[in-house]
Amino acid sequence: MMEGFFTAKAWHNGKNVPGGYGLRFSKGSREFLNGFKTVELELPTGSVIDIGISPSFKRDCPELRSAEIGRWLLLANLAPWPKGDPPEFRVHRVSGHRFRVS
């Protein structure tokens, strides 16, 4: 984590539906979330969502997936994006297991 935040990139599974989107975290960022079973994400829309962290998150599925994330990305015209160029976001720790995406 640098300067009070870490980064995440938008992710999708190839289907342009809200449930097919999420935020993908780098290996370093995943370490920052180590030990949490769930996180609360404050999205730029003002909504707060609870997302479970799967055991495979640290290994090979570094995404937090949620239809709410997909709705936000689609409504904000951040998705779909050009191939290979997903938007990137700053993720700030608010407290405990609560994080703000900006």
Protein backbone atom coordinates (compact mmCIF):
# COMPACT_ATOMS: atom_id res chain seq x y z
CA MET A 1 0.00 0.00 0.00
CA MET A 2 1.36 3.38 -0.97
CA GLU A 3 0.32 6.83 0.28
CA GLY A 4 -2.72 5.51 2.14
CA PHE A 5 -4.27 3.61 -0.75
CA PHE A 6 -3.79 0.69 -3.08
CA THR A 7 -5.16 0.15 -6.56
CA ALA A 8 -7.66 -2.18 -8.15
CA LYS A 9 -8.71 -2.53 -11.78
CA ALA A 10 -12.17 -3.19 -13.10
CA TRP A 11 -12.71 -6.82 -14.11
CA HIS A 12 -15.34 -8.68 -16.08
CA ASN A 13 -15.97 -12.26 -17.08
CA GLY A 14 -16.81 -11.43 -20.70
CA LYS A 15 -20.55 -11.08 -20.12
CA ASN A 16 -21.91 -7.56 -20.21
CA VAL A 17 -24.30 -8.05 -17.28
CA PRO A 18 -23.95 -6.50 -13.80
CA GLY A 19 -23.14 -9.82 -12.15
CA GLY A 20 -20.18 -10.31 -14.47
CA TYR A 21 -18.14 -7.43 -13.05
CA GLY A 22 -15.87 -6.82 -10.10
CA LEU A 23 -12.58 -5.35 -8.98
CA ARG A 24 -9.30 -7.18 -9.58
CA PHE A 25 -6.45 -6.77 -7.11
CA SER A 26 -2.73 -7.11 -7.66
CA LYS A 27 -0.70 -9.56 -5.60
CA GLY A 28 0.50 -6.75 -3.32
CA SER A 29 -3.03 -5.47 -2.84
CA ARG A 30 -4.31 -8.95 -2.03
CA GLU A 31 -1.80 -9.13 0.79
CA PHE A 32 -3.35 -5.97 2.23
CA LEU A 33 -6.70 -7.76 2.40
CA ASN A 34 -5.13 -10.85 3.96
CA GLY A 35 -6.99 -12.20 6.95
CA PHE A 36 -10.42 -10.81 6.05
CA LYS A 37 -13.31 -13.15 5.29
CA THR A 38 -15.50 -10.26 4.15
CA VAL A 39 -14.96 -6.62 3.29
CA GLU A 40 -17.28 -3.66 3.08
CA LEU A 41 -16.78 -1.54 -0.02
CA GLU A 42 -18.01 2.04 -0.24
CA LEU A 43 -18.62 2.68 -3.94
CA PRO A 44 -18.55 6.16 -5.51
CA THR A 45 -22.36 5.93 -5.72
CA GLY A 46 -22.50 6.10 -1.92
CA SER A 47 -23.70 2.52 -1.55
CA VAL A 48 -21.88 0.15 0.78
CA ILE A 49 -21.70 -3.52 -0.13
CA ASP A 50 -20.50 -6.56 1.79
CA ILE A 51 -18.41 -8.96 -0.25
CA GLY A 52 -17.08 -12.32 0.89
CA ILE A 53 -13.46 -13.16 0.14
CA SER A 54 -13.12 -16.67 -1.20
CA PRO A 55 -10.19 -18.93 -0.23
CA SER A 56 -9.03 -18.80 -3.86
CA PHE A 57 -8.75 -14.98 -3.74
CA LYS A 58 -5.09 -15.15 -2.70
CA ARG A 59 -4.22 -17.89 -5.20
CA ASP A 60 -5.83 -17.52 -8.59
CA CYS A 61 -9.10 -15.52 -8.37
CA PRO A 62 -8.01 -12.04 -7.23
CA GLU A 63 -11.38 -10.43 -7.88
CA LEU A 64 -14.11 -9.16 -5.61
CA ARG A 65 -17.23 -9.78 -7.69
CA SER A 66 -20.60 -8.13 -7.26
CA ALA A 67 -23.61 -7.15 -9.34
CA GLU A 68 -23.59 -3.82 -7.45
CA ILE A 69 -20.06 -3.14 -8.73
CA GLY A 70 -21.27 -4.02 -12.23
CA ARG A 71 -24.26 -1.66 -11.99
CA TRP A 72 -21.99 1.16 -10.83
CA LEU A 73 -19.48 0.58 -13.66
CA LEU A 74 -22.22 0.36 -16.29
CA LEU A 75 -24.23 3.37 -15.07
CA ALA A 76 -21.08 5.51 -14.77
CA ASN A 77 -20.13 4.55 -18.36
CA LEU A 78 -16.92 2.96 -17.07
CA ALA A 79 -17.87 -0.35 -18.68
CA PRO A 80 -17.46 -1.86 -21.11
CA TRP A 81 -13.94 -0.59 -21.71
CA PRO A 82 -11.48 -1.02 -24.60
CA LYS A 83 -9.86 -4.46 -24.60
CA GLY A 84 -6.86 -4.55 -22.28
CA ASP A 85 -7.58 -1.11 -20.77
CA PRO A 86 -9.83 -1.51 -17.71
CA PRO A 87 -10.33 1.53 -15.50
CA GLU A 88 -8.20 1.68 -12.39
CA PHE A 89 -9.35 2.86 -8.97
CA ARG A 90 -7.83 3.84 -5.66
CA VAL A 91 -8.98 1.85 -2.67
CA HIS A 92 -8.59 3.52 0.73
CA ARG A 93 -8.99 1.83 4.07
CA VAL A 94 -11.70 3.58 6.08
CA SER A 95 -11.55 1.36 9.18
CA GLY A 96 -11.36 -2.30 10.06
CA HIS A 97 -12.53 -4.24 7.02
CA ARG A 98 -14.22 -1.22 5.38
CA PHE A 99 -12.71 0.30 2.23
CA ARG A 100 -13.65 3.21 -0.05
CA VAL A 101 -13.29 2.97 -3.83
CA SER A 102 -12.52 6.23 -5.65
